[in-house]
């Protein structure tokens, strides 16, 4: 209880509250603009947060991370264009409801389900805190190395149909992390006698290039688009009452979000499809799914908004990010010498509790903002896409230059921006590169610190947690190989899944 009180005291500083408000409102607006998304916004803001106190910078990024999916539901429902990628499933039932004249009801249900999912996952996070505080100190260098290795494997295997490409991109990310001075003896690696490579490839330069600049390039070269939206009339509070009728679907969907959020590399998409499939299979009116089912809409929104708080569990407990956004947040921790992991729970539990309370305030702030200003947000959506691209490009280069006042960083970021465009055109994932850089660095440091105590490979798994992690790695790889063998013996038929068969959106 004393840690909670101390955390609240840390949080209720005017700078922290303003940062949380800016992040919450800004995340809604950014999420509502198709083609931008939380990753672009966080990438642009990262350099600015380095000069802020750690709690101020992190609450701002958390605000954007947790609120962008609220805003992304607005265009998904009203114009069948998801504001963020994870709102794609919302279009299945949200847009048909709008075409049926129930746009206000769909928006109200989406807000309510998002709020319920966010609060549910936060409660789960708080309840797990005592367990995390006890288990985290049991992780030594060997266990964290194995956990990071498991994270990379899960991230790669999560890209079904693109496992080889995801593996190669993750390996490329690991390679990028090795360029420059190595962390123990400070000898040069892969610099090829080029002095500008001695300082290595900065993670933020890569993040800004792959996510922000690549998206700006795409928006600038594609056809300029603007969206016309009708005004939403009537109260949105009704969604909170109606959600109670579908409390079972919302609870199960939020549970899927919590479980999938804790597993690195899985995240919102798997949680959404599992919850959507469950809702459809257990519904009394499964024929409505894809044609305007409120249960389908609730399942999608409750699941994806439950993920952000759950994704903080491996980040805070082990210092291992499960996706690109939490990897970006990890860099803020490191800049301020706040190291996530066992020592964070042992020595700075009040800081952890402050982050938990910030997540709760985030959901409340976003809900209040949306209940009174949805029509204002819909006007912001109508900004021409090329104008958005110019703004992202300008802010992206300003952010890169502000890191080290280096034109070399700007050139490297532009190169990664072009590389990101190529990957997006080829429909290849960007996330494995970022997680490869972050997790690769963790693996190298932890392996080198563990090696003096390792005389044989079996010493890596001699302790219970290490043995469990190694067993999980073998099980995950074994299940994937089994799936490949079954798919080869029984090739999938060229038909869509049940979800796609029921999709009625245009």
Protein backbone atom coordinates (compact mmCIF):
# COMPACT_ATOMS: atom_id res chain seq x y z
CA UNK A 1 0.00 0.00 0.00
CA UNK A 2 2.85 2.39 0.77
CA UNK A 3 4.27 1.80 -2.72
CA UNK A 4 0.88 2.68 -4.23
CA UNK A 5 0.66 5.91 -2.20
CA UNK A 6 4.22 6.82 -3.21
CA UNK A 7 3.40 6.05 -6.84
CA UNK A 8 0.32 8.29 -6.76
CA UNK A 9 2.44 11.04 -5.20
CA UNK A 10 4.97 10.70 -8.04
CA UNK A 11 2.23 10.77 -10.65
CA UNK A 12 0.39 13.81 -9.37
CA UNK A 13 3.08 16.21 -10.47
CA UNK A 14 1.89 18.89 -12.90
CA UNK A 15 4.49 17.94 -15.51
CA UNK A 16 3.48 14.27 -15.44
CA UNK A 17 -0.24 15.05 -15.64
CA UNK A 18 0.23 17.44 -18.56
CA UNK A 19 2.39 14.87 -20.37
CA UNK A 20 -0.28 12.22 -19.82
CA UNK A 21 -3.01 14.56 -21.07
CA UNK A 22 -1.02 15.49 -24.17
CA UNK A 23 -0.23 11.85 -24.89
CA UNK A 24 -3.84 10.72 -24.35
CA UNK A 25 -5.48 13.38 -26.49
CA UNK A 26 -2.69 13.32 -29.07
CA UNK A 27 -2.89 9.54 -29.32
CA UNK A 28 -6.62 9.67 -30.08
CA UNK A 29 -6.09 12.28 -32.80
CA UNK A 30 -3.13 10.46 -34.34
CA UNK A 31 -4.90 7.12 -34.19
CA UNK A 32 -7.90 8.61 -35.96
CA UNK A 33 -5.85 9.81 -38.95
CA UNK A 34 -5.51 6.87 -41.38
CA UNK A 35 -1.93 6.19 -42.38
CA UNK A 36 -0.19 7.54 -39.29
CA UNK A 37 -0.59 5.34 -36.20
CA UNK A 38 1.02 5.18 -32.78
CA UNK A 39 4.37 3.82 -34.01
CA UNK A 40 4.95 6.88 -36.20
CA UNK A 41 3.97 9.31 -33.42
CA UNK A 42 6.10 7.59 -30.76
CA UNK A 43 9.06 7.43 -33.14
CA UNK A 44 8.82 11.20 -33.75
CA UNK A 45 8.44 12.02 -30.05
CA UNK A 46 11.23 9.74 -28.81
CA UNK A 47 14.10 12.25 -29.14
CA UNK A 48 12.07 14.88 -27.26
CA UNK A 49 11.33 12.53 -24.34
CA UNK A 50 15.04 11.92 -23.73
CA UNK A 51 15.37 15.43 -22.31
CA UNK A 52 12.35 14.99 -20.01
CA UNK A 53 12.29 13.30 -16.57
CA UNK A 54 11.76 9.54 -17.03
CA UNK A 55 8.21 9.42 -15.65
CA UNK A 56 7.16 12.44 -17.73
CA UNK A 57 8.52 10.97 -20.95
CA UNK A 58 7.12 7.50 -20.32
CA UNK A 59 3.63 8.72 -19.42
CA UNK A 60 3.49 10.73 -22.64
CA UNK A 61 4.45 7.68 -24.70
CA UNK A 62 2.07 5.47 -22.71
CA UNK A 63 -0.71 7.95 -23.42
CA UNK A 64 -0.13 7.68 -27.16
CA UNK A 65 0.28 3.90 -27.03
CA UNK A 66 -2.88 3.28 -25.05
CA UNK A 67 -5.17 5.85 -26.69
CA UNK A 68 -4.37 5.46 -30.39
CA UNK A 69 -6.64 2.43 -30.72
CA UNK A 70 -9.56 4.43 -29.33
CA UNK A 71 -9.12 6.96 -32.13
CA UNK A 72 -8.43 4.31 -34.75
CA UNK A 73 -11.94 2.93 -34.28
CA UNK A 74 -13.57 6.16 -35.51
CA UNK A 75 -12.60 5.99 -39.21
CA UNK A 76 -12.85 2.18 -39.10
CA UNK A 77 -16.51 2.48 -38.16
CA UNK A 78 -17.49 5.57 -40.14
CA UNK A 79 -15.58 5.21 -43.44
CA UNK A 80 -14.37 1.58 -43.40
CA UNK A 81 -10.73 2.72 -43.12
CA UNK A 82 -8.95 1.68 -39.91
CA UNK A 83 -6.99 4.50 -38.29
CA UNK A 84 -4.41 2.00 -37.02
CA UNK A 85 -3.64 -1.48 -38.31
CA UNK A 86 -5.07 -3.15 -35.21
CA UNK A 87 -8.48 -1.57 -35.87
CA UNK A 88 -8.85 -3.49 -39.14
CA UNK A 89 -11.13 -6.09 -37.57
CA UNK A 90 -13.36 -3.29 -36.26
CA UNK A 91 -14.41 -2.54 -39.84
CA UNK A 92 -16.03 -6.00 -40.14
CA UNK A 93 -19.02 -5.01 -38.03
CA UNK A 94 -18.53 -1.31 -37.31
CA UNK A 95 -18.93 -0.11 -40.88
CA UNK A 96 -22.00 -2.28 -41.64
CA UNK A 97 -23.63 -0.80 -38.53
CA UNK A 98 -22.92 2.68 -39.91
CA UNK A 99 -24.47 1.74 -43.25
CA UNK A 100 -27.52 0.49 -41.35
CA UNK A 101 -27.91 3.91 -39.71
CA UNK A 102 -26.33 2.86 -36.39
CA UNK A 103 -23.08 4.81 -36.56
CA UNK A 104 -23.62 6.49 -33.19
CA UNK A 105 -24.41 3.14 -31.54
CA UNK A 106 -21.28 1.55 -33.08
CA UNK A 107 -19.06 4.40 -31.89
CA UNK A 108 -20.58 4.20 -28.40
CA UNK A 109 -20.03 0.43 -28.20
CA UNK A 110 -16.45 0.75 -29.48
CA UNK A 111 -15.58 3.37 -26.85
CA UNK A 112 -17.20 1.36 -24.06
CA UNK A 113 -15.54 -1.91 -25.08
CA UNK A 114 -12.16 -0.20 -25.37
CA UNK A 115 -12.54 1.33 -21.92
CA UNK A 116 -13.61 -2.01 -20.41
CA UNK A 117 -10.67 -3.83 -22.04
CA UNK A 118 -8.17 -1.22 -20.86
CA UNK A 119 -9.40 -1.22 -17.25
CA UNK A 120 -9.62 -5.04 -17.16
CA UNK A 121 -6.01 -5.44 -18.30
CA UNK A 122 -4.85 -2.82 -15.80
CA UNK A 123 -6.54 -4.71 -12.95
CA UNK A 124 -4.83 -7.89 -14.15
CA UNK A 125 -1.49 -6.04 -14.23
CA UNK A 126 -1.91 -4.74 -10.67
CA UNK A 127 -2.94 -8.17 -9.37
CA UNK A 128 0.11 -9.72 -11.01
CA UNK A 129 2.48 -7.16 -9.48
CA UNK A 130 3.12 -9.10 -6.22
CA UNK A 131 3.87 -12.21 -8.26
CA UNK A 132 6.18 -10.25 -10.56
CA UNK A 133 7.99 -8.76 -7.56
CA UNK A 134 8.68 -12.29 -6.25
CA UNK A 135 9.55 -13.97 -9.54
CA UNK A 136 11.64 -11.21 -11.14
CA UNK A 137 14.62 -11.54 -8.72
CA UNK A 138 14.92 -15.21 -9.73
CA UNK A 139 15.98 -14.15 -13.22
CA UNK A 140 19.73 -13.98 -13.59
CA UNK A 141 21.78 -13.32 -16.71
CA UNK A 142 21.21 -16.82 -18.09
CA UNK A 143 17.44 -16.68 -17.59
CA UNK A 144 17.12 -13.24 -19.18
CA UNK A 145 19.22 -14.42 -22.14
CA UNK A 146 16.89 -17.38 -22.64
CA UNK A 147 13.81 -15.14 -22.23
CA UNK A 148 15.16 -12.74 -24.87
CA UNK A 149 15.92 -15.67 -27.17
CA UNK A 150 12.35 -16.94 -26.66
CA UNK A 151 11.08 -13.45 -27.48
CA UNK A 152 12.91 -13.37 -30.81
CA UNK A 153 11.69 -16.88 -31.69
CA UNK A 154 8.08 -15.94 -30.89
CA UNK A 155 8.32 -12.72 -32.90
CA UNK A 156 9.64 -14.62 -35.92
CA UNK A 157 7.15 -17.49 -35.70
CA UNK A 158 4.25 -15.06 -35.19
CA UNK A 159 4.58 -14.00 -38.85
CA UNK A 160 2.80 -16.96 -40.39
CA UNK A 161 3.72 -17.43 -44.03
CA UNK A 162 6.67 -15.04 -43.65
CA UNK A 163 8.76 -16.89 -41.07
CA UNK A 164 11.91 -17.02 -43.20
CA UNK A 165 11.68 -13.32 -44.12
CA UNK A 166 10.93 -12.36 -40.49
CA UNK A 167 13.90 -14.44 -39.33
CA UNK A 168 16.22 -12.77 -41.81
CA UNK A 169 14.99 -9.30 -40.81
CA UNK A 170 15.43 -10.13 -37.12
CA UNK A 171 18.97 -11.31 -37.88
CA UNK A 172 19.56 -8.06 -39.75
CA UNK A 173 18.43 -6.17 -36.65
CA UNK A 174 20.84 -8.19 -34.48
CA UNK A 175 23.62 -7.39 -36.95
CA UNK A 176 22.84 -3.65 -36.85
CA UNK A 177 23.22 -3.74 -33.08
CA UNK A 178 26.76 -5.17 -33.41
CA UNK A 179 28.03 -2.31 -35.60
CA UNK A 180 30.39 0.08 -33.79
CA UNK A 181 32.24 -0.32 -30.49
CA UNK A 182 31.44 -3.57 -28.69
CA UNK A 183 30.32 -3.10 -25.07
CA UNK A 184 33.10 -4.90 -23.15
CA UNK A 185 36.52 -4.26 -24.73
CA UNK A 186 35.40 -1.35 -26.91
CA UNK A 187 36.94 -2.80 -30.03
CA UNK A 188 35.47 -1.85 -33.41
CA UNK A 189 33.14 -4.24 -35.18
CA UNK A 190 31.93 -3.99 -38.79
CA UNK A 191 33.01 -0.36 -39.14
CA UNK A 192 35.13 -1.01 -42.28
CA UNK A 193 37.51 1.79 -41.24
CA UNK A 194 34.66 4.30 -41.50
CA UNK A 195 34.81 6.71 -38.57
CA UNK A 196 31.10 7.59 -38.84
CA UNK A 197 30.23 3.96 -38.07
CA UNK A 198 32.27 3.89 -34.85
CA UNK A 199 29.34 5.18 -32.79
CA UNK A 200 27.15 2.43 -34.17
CA UNK A 201 23.67 2.51 -35.68
CA UNK A 202 21.38 4.32 -33.27
CA UNK A 203 18.08 2.55 -32.52
CA UNK A 204 16.11 5.80 -32.72
CA UNK A 205 17.54 6.58 -36.17
CA UNK A 206 16.38 3.18 -37.37
CA UNK A 207 12.96 3.55 -35.71
CA UNK A 208 12.36 7.00 -37.19
CA UNK A 209 13.49 5.85 -40.61
CA UNK A 210 11.54 2.59 -40.77
CA UNK A 211 8.31 3.85 -39.23
CA UNK A 212 8.03 7.64 -39.58
CA UNK A 213 9.97 8.54 -42.73
CA UNK A 214 8.84 5.47 -44.69
CA UNK A 215 5.20 6.30 -43.93
CA UNK A 216 5.80 9.93 -44.95
CA UNK A 217 7.32 8.81 -48.26
CA UNK A 218 4.32 6.56 -48.93
CA UNK A 219 1.81 9.30 -48.13
CA UNK A 220 3.65 11.75 -50.40
CA UNK A 221 3.83 9.45 -53.44
CA UNK A 222 0.30 8.08 -53.20
CA UNK A 223 -2.84 9.83 -54.37
CA UNK A 224 -3.97 12.64 -52.06
CA UNK A 225 -7.12 11.64 -50.19
CA UNK A 226 -9.56 13.37 -47.88
CA UNK A 227 -12.47 11.80 -46.04
CA UNK A 228 -15.98 13.18 -45.70
CA UNK A 229 -17.74 12.20 -42.49
CA UNK A 230 -21.24 12.86 -41.28
CA UNK A 231 -21.83 14.46 -37.93
CA UNK A 232 -22.59 12.06 -35.05
CA UNK A 233 -25.70 13.19 -33.22
CA UNK A 234 -27.01 11.97 -29.88
CA UNK A 235 -25.47 10.81 -26.63
CA UNK A 236 -22.65 8.25 -26.64
CA UNK A 237 -23.18 7.33 -22.98
CA UNK A 238 -25.67 4.67 -24.10
CA UNK A 239 -22.80 2.39 -25.08
CA UNK A 240 -21.78 2.01 -21.44
CA UNK A 241 -25.23 0.69 -20.58
CA UNK A 242 -25.46 -1.58 -23.62
CA UNK A 243 -22.03 -3.08 -22.95
CA UNK A 244 -23.50 -4.67 -19.81
CA UNK A 245 -25.70 -6.82 -22.03
CA UNK A 246 -22.56 -8.24 -23.64
CA UNK A 247 -20.38 -8.41 -20.53
CA UNK A 248 -19.41 -12.06 -21.18
CA UNK A 249 -18.01 -11.26 -24.63
CA UNK A 250 -16.19 -8.17 -23.32
CA UNK A 251 -14.65 -10.09 -20.40
CA UNK A 252 -13.45 -13.01 -22.53
CA UNK A 253 -12.09 -10.65 -25.21
CA UNK A 254 -10.19 -8.63 -22.59
CA UNK A 255 -8.82 -11.88 -21.14
CA UNK A 256 -7.50 -12.87 -24.56
CA UNK A 257 -5.93 -9.43 -24.83
CA UNK A 258 -4.15 -9.83 -21.49
CA UNK A 259 -2.85 -13.31 -22.31
CA UNK A 260 -1.68 -12.42 -25.81
CA UNK A 261 -0.19 -9.12 -24.65
CA UNK A 262 2.11 -10.90 -22.22
CA UNK A 263 3.56 -13.11 -24.97
CA UNK A 264 6.26 -11.34 -27.05
CA UNK A 265 5.52 -11.08 -30.75
CA UNK A 266 1.83 -12.02 -30.53
CA UNK A 267 -0.09 -8.89 -29.55
CA UNK A 268 -3.36 -7.41 -30.75
CA UNK A 269 -4.02 -9.32 -33.94
CA UNK A 270 -4.02 -12.79 -32.40
CA UNK A 271 -6.05 -11.56 -29.43
CA UNK A 272 -8.63 -10.00 -31.74
CA UNK A 273 -9.12 -13.02 -33.94
CA UNK A 274 -9.32 -15.40 -31.00
CA UNK A 275 -11.90 -13.22 -29.25
CA UNK A 276 -13.83 -12.61 -32.48
CA UNK A 277 -13.93 -16.32 -33.25
CA UNK A 278 -15.06 -17.10 -29.70
CA UNK A 279 -17.80 -14.47 -29.88
CA UNK A 280 -19.03 -15.80 -33.20
CA UNK A 281 -19.02 -19.46 -32.12
CA UNK A 282 -20.91 -18.74 -28.88
CA UNK A 283 -23.32 -16.11 -30.23
CA UNK A 284 -27.06 -16.73 -30.55
CA UNK A 285 -26.95 -14.75 -33.82
CA UNK A 286 -23.71 -15.78 -35.58
CA UNK A 287 -25.18 -14.83 -38.95
CA UNK A 288 -24.90 -11.14 -37.99
CA UNK A 289 -21.11 -11.25 -37.74
CA UNK A 290 -19.67 -9.27 -40.61
CA UNK A 291 -23.02 -7.59 -41.18
CA UNK A 292 -23.23 -5.37 -38.11
CA UNK A 293 -22.96 -7.56 -35.02
CA UNK A 294 -22.44 -5.58 -31.80
CA UNK A 295 -20.79 -8.66 -30.26
CA UNK A 296 -18.16 -8.75 -33.02
CA UNK A 297 -17.42 -5.06 -32.56
CA UNK A 298 -17.08 -5.44 -28.79
CA UNK A 299 -14.84 -8.51 -29.15
CA UNK A 300 -12.46 -6.64 -31.44
CA UNK A 301 -12.18 -3.42 -29.44
CA UNK A 302 -12.04 -4.98 -25.96
CA UNK A 303 -9.26 -7.35 -27.05
CA UNK A 304 -6.97 -4.81 -28.72
CA UNK A 305 -7.24 -2.26 -25.89
CA UNK A 306 -6.39 -4.90 -23.28
CA UNK A 307 -3.00 -5.51 -24.87
CA UNK A 308 -1.03 -2.30 -23.98
CA UNK A 309 -1.14 -2.79 -20.20
CA UNK A 310 -0.41 -6.51 -20.54
CA UNK A 311 2.53 -5.79 -22.88
CA UNK A 312 4.12 -3.84 -20.03
CA UNK A 313 4.44 -7.05 -17.97
CA UNK A 314 7.47 -8.59 -19.78
CA UNK A 315 8.91 -5.10 -20.31
CA UNK A 316 8.85 -4.14 -16.63
CA UNK A 317 9.55 -7.58 -15.14
CA UNK A 318 12.36 -8.70 -17.45
CA UNK A 319 13.25 -5.68 -19.57
CA UNK A 320 12.14 -7.60 -22.66
CA UNK A 321 9.85 -5.80 -25.13
CA UNK A 322 7.30 -7.81 -27.04
CA UNK A 323 6.72 -5.38 -29.91
CA UNK A 324 8.12 -2.27 -31.56
CA UNK A 325 6.27 0.24 -29.37
CA UNK A 326 7.47 -1.24 -26.08
CA UNK A 327 10.96 -1.51 -27.59
CA UNK A 328 10.87 2.24 -28.18
CA UNK A 329 9.78 2.80 -24.57
CA UNK A 330 12.68 0.64 -23.39
CA UNK A 331 15.09 3.13 -24.93
CA UNK A 332 13.57 5.87 -22.72
CA UNK A 333 14.25 3.71 -19.65
CA UNK A 334 17.87 3.20 -20.67
CA UNK A 335 18.53 6.87 -21.44
CA UNK A 336 17.51 7.80 -17.88
CA UNK A 337 19.41 4.85 -16.35
CA UNK A 338 16.16 3.24 -15.19
CA UNK A 339 16.73 -0.44 -15.97
CA UNK A 340 13.57 -2.57 -16.24
CA UNK A 341 13.84 -5.99 -14.71
CA UNK A 342 14.23 -7.54 -11.27
CA UNK A 343 16.02 -4.53 -9.80
CA UNK A 344 13.17 -2.21 -10.80
CA UNK A 345 10.69 -4.17 -8.66
CA UNK A 346 13.15 -4.40 -5.80
CA UNK A 347 14.24 -0.77 -5.62
CA UNK A 348 11.69 1.36 -7.50
CA UNK A 349 8.30 -0.20 -6.88
CA UNK A 350 6.78 3.27 -6.41
CA UNK A 351 7.85 4.12 -9.97
CA UNK A 352 6.14 0.95 -11.23
CA UNK A 353 2.94 1.78 -9.35
CA UNK A 354 3.00 5.30 -10.82
CA UNK A 355 2.99 3.76 -14.31
CA UNK A 356 0.03 1.55 -13.36
CA UNK A 357 -2.01 4.50 -12.09
CA UNK A 358 -1.03 6.44 -15.23
CA UNK A 359 -2.57 3.69 -17.35
CA UNK A 360 -5.81 3.97 -15.38
CA UNK A 361 -5.90 7.77 -15.70
CA UNK A 362 -5.14 7.39 -19.39
CA UNK A 363 -8.32 5.39 -20.02
CA UNK A 364 -10.42 7.81 -17.99
CA UNK A 365 -8.99 10.88 -19.78
CA UNK A 366 -9.51 9.35 -23.21
CA UNK A 367 -13.07 8.29 -22.44
CA UNK A 368 -14.02 11.74 -21.15
CA UNK A 369 -12.37 13.43 -24.14
CA UNK A 370 -14.12 11.21 -26.68
CA UNK A 371 -17.54 11.53 -25.05
CA UNK A 372 -17.47 15.29 -25.56
CA UNK A 373 -15.40 15.78 -28.71
CA UNK A 374 -15.96 12.94 -31.18
CA UNK A 375 -17.21 15.34 -33.86
CA UNK A 376 -14.10 17.48 -33.43
CA UNK A 377 -11.91 14.41 -33.97
CA UNK A 378 -13.84 13.54 -37.14
CA UNK A 379 -12.90 16.94 -38.59
CA UNK A 380 -9.22 16.27 -37.95
CA UNK A 381 -9.52 13.01 -39.91
CA UNK A 382 -10.30 15.07 -43.03
CA UNK A 383 -6.78 16.56 -43.23
CA UNK A 384 -5.33 15.74 -46.71
CA UNK A 385 -2.98 12.77 -46.58
CA UNK A 386 -0.12 14.53 -48.37
CA UNK A 387 -0.19 17.34 -45.82
CA UNK A 388 0.09 14.71 -43.10
CA UNK A 389 3.05 13.20 -45.00
CA UNK A 390 4.85 16.56 -45.14
CA UNK A 391 4.32 17.09 -41.39
CA UNK A 392 5.66 13.60 -40.57
CA UNK A 393 8.67 14.12 -42.83
CA UNK A 394 9.52 17.49 -41.26
CA UNK A 395 9.08 16.31 -37.66
CA UNK A 396 10.94 13.08 -38.39
CA UNK A 397 14.06 14.82 -39.68
CA UNK A 398 13.93 17.36 -36.85
CA UNK A 399 13.79 14.47 -34.36
CA UNK A 400 16.71 12.66 -35.97
CA UNK A 401 18.90 15.77 -36.12
CA UNK A 402 18.13 16.67 -32.50
CA UNK A 403 19.63 13.37 -31.29
CA UNK A 404 23.27 14.20 -31.95
CA UNK A 405 23.10 17.26 -34.27
CA UNK A 406 24.38 14.98 -37.00
CA UNK A 407 23.60 15.14 -40.73
CA UNK A 408 24.96 11.60 -40.97
CA UNK A 409 22.07 10.40 -38.79
CA UNK A 410 19.61 12.20 -41.11
CA UNK A 411 21.13 10.46 -44.16
CA UNK A 412 21.01 7.07 -42.41
CA UNK A 413 17.39 7.68 -41.35
CA UNK A 414 16.47 8.57 -44.94
CA UNK A 415 18.13 5.35 -46.11
CA UNK A 416 16.16 3.30 -43.60
CA UNK A 417 13.05 5.21 -44.69
CA UNK A 418 13.55 4.05 -48.28
CA UNK A 419 14.25 0.54 -46.99
CA UNK A 420 11.00 0.70 -45.00
CA UNK A 421 9.07 1.71 -48.13
CA UNK A 422 10.51 -1.30 -49.97
CA UNK A 423 9.55 -3.65 -47.12
CA UNK A 424 6.02 -2.22 -46.98
CA UNK A 425 5.62 -2.52 -50.75
CA UNK A 426 6.70 -6.16 -50.49
CA UNK A 427 4.33 -6.65 -47.52
CA UNK A 428 7.22 -7.64 -45.24
CA UNK A 429 7.24 -6.86 -41.50
CA UNK A 430 9.26 -4.05 -39.93
CA UNK A 431 8.93 -5.12 -36.30
CA UNK A 432 11.52 -7.98 -36.39
CA UNK A 433 14.28 -5.49 -37.25
CA UNK A 434 13.57 -3.31 -34.20
CA UNK A 435 13.16 -6.23 -31.84
CA UNK A 436 16.27 -7.84 -33.29
CA UNK A 437 18.27 -4.72 -32.39
CA UNK A 438 16.82 -4.48 -28.88
CA UNK A 439 16.73 -8.15 -27.94
CA UNK A 440 20.03 -8.83 -29.68
CA UNK A 441 21.72 -6.27 -27.47
CA UNK A 442 20.16 -7.78 -24.35
CA UNK A 443 21.21 -11.28 -25.40
CA UNK A 444 24.83 -10.25 -26.04
CA UNK A 445 25.24 -8.44 -22.72
CA UNK A 446 23.58 -11.18 -20.66
CA UNK A 447 25.40 -14.01 -22.42
CA UNK A 448 28.80 -12.39 -21.91
CA UNK A 449 28.08 -11.76 -18.23
CA UNK A 450 26.90 -15.36 -17.78
CA UNK A 451 29.79 -17.06 -19.59
CA UNK A 452 32.28 -16.98 -16.65
CA UNK A 453 29.85 -19.22 -14.71
CA UNK A 454 29.10 -21.57 -17.62
CA UNK A 455 31.40 -24.53 -18.19
CA UNK A 456 29.08 -26.52 -20.44
CA UNK A 457 25.87 -25.84 -22.38
CA UNK A 458 23.87 -27.63 -19.70
CA UNK A 459 24.95 -25.02 -17.14
CA UNK A 460 22.71 -22.53 -18.98
CA UNK A 461 19.62 -24.45 -17.89
CA UNK A 462 20.68 -25.89 -14.56
CA UNK A 463 18.29 -23.65 -12.60
CA UNK A 464 14.48 -24.21 -12.64
CA UNK A 465 13.48 -21.04 -14.51
CA UNK A 466 16.19 -21.56 -17.11
CA UNK A 467 15.03 -25.13 -17.59
CA UNK A 468 11.41 -24.01 -17.99
CA UNK A 469 12.36 -21.34 -20.55
CA UNK A 470 14.46 -23.82 -22.52
CA UNK A 471 11.59 -26.32 -22.47
CA UNK A 472 9.20 -23.62 -23.75
CA UNK A 473 11.63 -22.81 -26.58
CA UNK A 474 11.76 -26.46 -27.61
CA UNK A 475 7.96 -26.78 -27.39
CA UNK A 476 7.38 -23.65 -29.49
CA UNK A 477 9.81 -24.79 -32.19
CA UNK A 478 8.41 -28.33 -32.08
CA UNK A 479 4.83 -27.11 -32.48
CA UNK A 480 5.82 -24.94 -35.41
CA UNK A 481 7.58 -27.84 -37.14
CA UNK A 482 4.52 -30.02 -36.49
CA UNK A 483 2.28 -27.37 -38.05
CA UNK A 484 4.52 -27.18 -41.14
CA UNK A 485 4.42 -30.97 -41.54
CA UNK A 486 0.63 -31.06 -41.21
CA UNK A 487 0.23 -28.23 -43.72
CA UNK A 488 2.49 -30.06 -46.16
CA UNK A 489 0.52 -33.29 -45.81
CA UNK A 490 -2.83 -31.49 -45.98
CA UNK A 491 -2.41 -28.33 -48.05
CA UNK A 492 -4.98 -25.70 -47.07
CA UNK A 493 -7.82 -25.27 -49.51
CA UNK A 494 -8.12 -21.98 -51.33
CA UNK A 495 -11.02 -20.74 -49.29
CA UNK A 496 -11.34 -17.96 -46.77
CA UNK A 497 -11.70 -18.53 -43.07
CA UNK A 498 -15.04 -18.37 -41.34
CA UNK A 499 -14.34 -14.81 -40.33
CA UNK A 500 -13.74 -13.69 -43.89
CA UNK A 501 -16.74 -15.61 -45.16
CA UNK A 502 -18.94 -13.68 -42.79
CA UNK A 503 -17.39 -10.31 -43.54
CA UNK A 504 -19.98 -8.03 -44.99
CA UNK A 505 -17.97 -4.79 -45.12
CA UNK A 506 -16.95 -3.36 -48.43
